[in-house]
């Protein structure tokens, strides 16, 4: 059950956690980079992106493109300016 759906009585800790500890939310529950990644050891609740999409909390990513756009026709500043245009 997600934390926001739990009754307040289940969320009370009564000093169970160190007051200096915090709650971290992350989309990448791992330490390191590249081939040397290690998953966090203190995960309280795991909710994969695929589940969030299936449950309707996250939309499927969409890629928008411009018609007849060729990056070779722009310098770096022109490409950046084009990205920011609606």
Protein backbone atom coordinates (compact mmCIF):
# COMPACT_ATOMS: atom_id res chain seq x y z
CA UNK A 1 0.00 0.00 0.00
CA UNK A 2 1.51 3.41 -0.97
CA UNK A 3 2.43 5.71 1.91
CA UNK A 4 -0.17 8.34 0.95
CA UNK A 5 -2.97 5.77 1.30
CA UNK A 6 -1.92 4.46 4.71
CA UNK A 7 -3.88 5.46 7.80
CA UNK A 8 -2.01 7.91 10.04
CA UNK A 9 -1.65 5.25 12.76
CA UNK A 10 0.51 3.14 10.45
CA UNK A 11 2.73 6.11 9.59
CA UNK A 12 3.63 6.94 13.19
CA UNK A 13 7.09 5.72 14.11
CA UNK A 14 7.30 6.34 17.88
CA UNK A 15 11.04 7.01 17.69
CA UNK A 16 11.72 4.02 15.46
CA UNK A 17 13.83 6.13 13.09
CA UNK A 18 16.79 8.36 13.88
CA UNK A 19 15.54 11.98 13.91
CA UNK A 20 18.54 12.94 11.79
CA UNK A 21 17.53 10.52 9.08
CA UNK A 22 15.47 11.71 6.15
CA UNK A 23 13.15 10.22 3.59
CA UNK A 24 14.63 10.09 0.12
CA UNK A 25 12.62 9.59 -3.07
CA UNK A 26 14.56 8.61 -6.14
CA UNK A 27 13.98 7.30 -9.63
CA UNK A 28 17.40 5.63 -9.57
CA UNK A 29 17.71 3.51 -6.40
CA UNK A 30 21.38 2.72 -6.88
CA UNK A 31 24.81 3.99 -5.96
CA UNK A 32 27.57 4.34 -8.53
CA UNK A 33 27.60 4.72 -12.27
CA UNK A 34 28.17 2.56 -15.31
CA UNK A 35 28.90 -1.12 -14.76
CA UNK A 36 29.67 -0.68 -11.05
CA UNK A 37 26.21 0.10 -9.67
CA UNK A 38 24.92 -1.25 -6.38
CA UNK A 39 21.24 -1.04 -5.29
CA UNK A 40 20.38 0.89 -2.12
CA UNK A 41 20.13 -1.32 0.94
CA UNK A 42 17.50 0.70 2.81
CA UNK A 43 14.55 0.71 0.39
CA UNK A 44 11.23 0.86 2.24
CA UNK A 45 8.95 0.69 -0.79
CA UNK A 46 9.73 -0.12 -4.42
CA UNK A 47 7.39 1.19 -7.12
CA UNK A 48 8.83 0.67 -10.61
CA UNK A 49 8.11 3.10 -13.43
CA UNK A 50 6.36 0.30 -15.34
CA UNK A 51 3.89 -0.09 -12.46
CA UNK A 52 3.28 3.65 -12.27
CA UNK A 53 2.52 3.66 -16.00
CA UNK A 54 0.21 0.65 -15.72
CA UNK A 55 -1.60 2.26 -12.77
CA UNK A 56 -2.09 5.49 -14.74
CA UNK A 57 0.13 7.75 -12.59
CA UNK A 58 2.69 8.35 -15.35
CA UNK A 59 2.00 8.85 -19.04
CA UNK A 60 3.85 6.95 -21.72
CA UNK A 61 6.74 9.09 -22.98
CA UNK A 62 6.22 10.75 -26.34
CA UNK A 63 8.79 12.19 -28.70
CA UNK A 64 7.88 15.22 -30.77
CA UNK A 65 9.74 16.07 -33.94
CA UNK A 66 9.69 18.93 -36.40
CA UNK A 67 8.80 18.35 -40.01
CA UNK A 68 11.76 18.63 -42.40
CA UNK A 69 14.25 19.32 -39.57
CA UNK A 70 17.90 18.58 -40.33
CA UNK A 71 20.35 19.24 -37.50
CA UNK A 72 23.13 19.73 -40.06
CA UNK A 73 21.46 22.99 -41.16
CA UNK A 74 21.96 24.59 -37.70
CA UNK A 75 24.90 25.60 -35.56
CA UNK A 76 24.86 24.80 -31.81
CA UNK A 77 23.09 28.07 -30.90
CA UNK A 78 20.50 27.58 -33.64
CA UNK A 79 19.78 24.03 -32.52
CA UNK A 80 19.33 25.17 -28.91
CA UNK A 81 17.06 28.03 -29.99
CA UNK A 82 14.95 25.62 -32.08
CA UNK A 83 14.57 23.27 -29.10
CA UNK A 84 13.10 26.06 -27.02
CA UNK A 85 10.56 27.17 -29.62
CA UNK A 86 7.01 25.93 -29.18
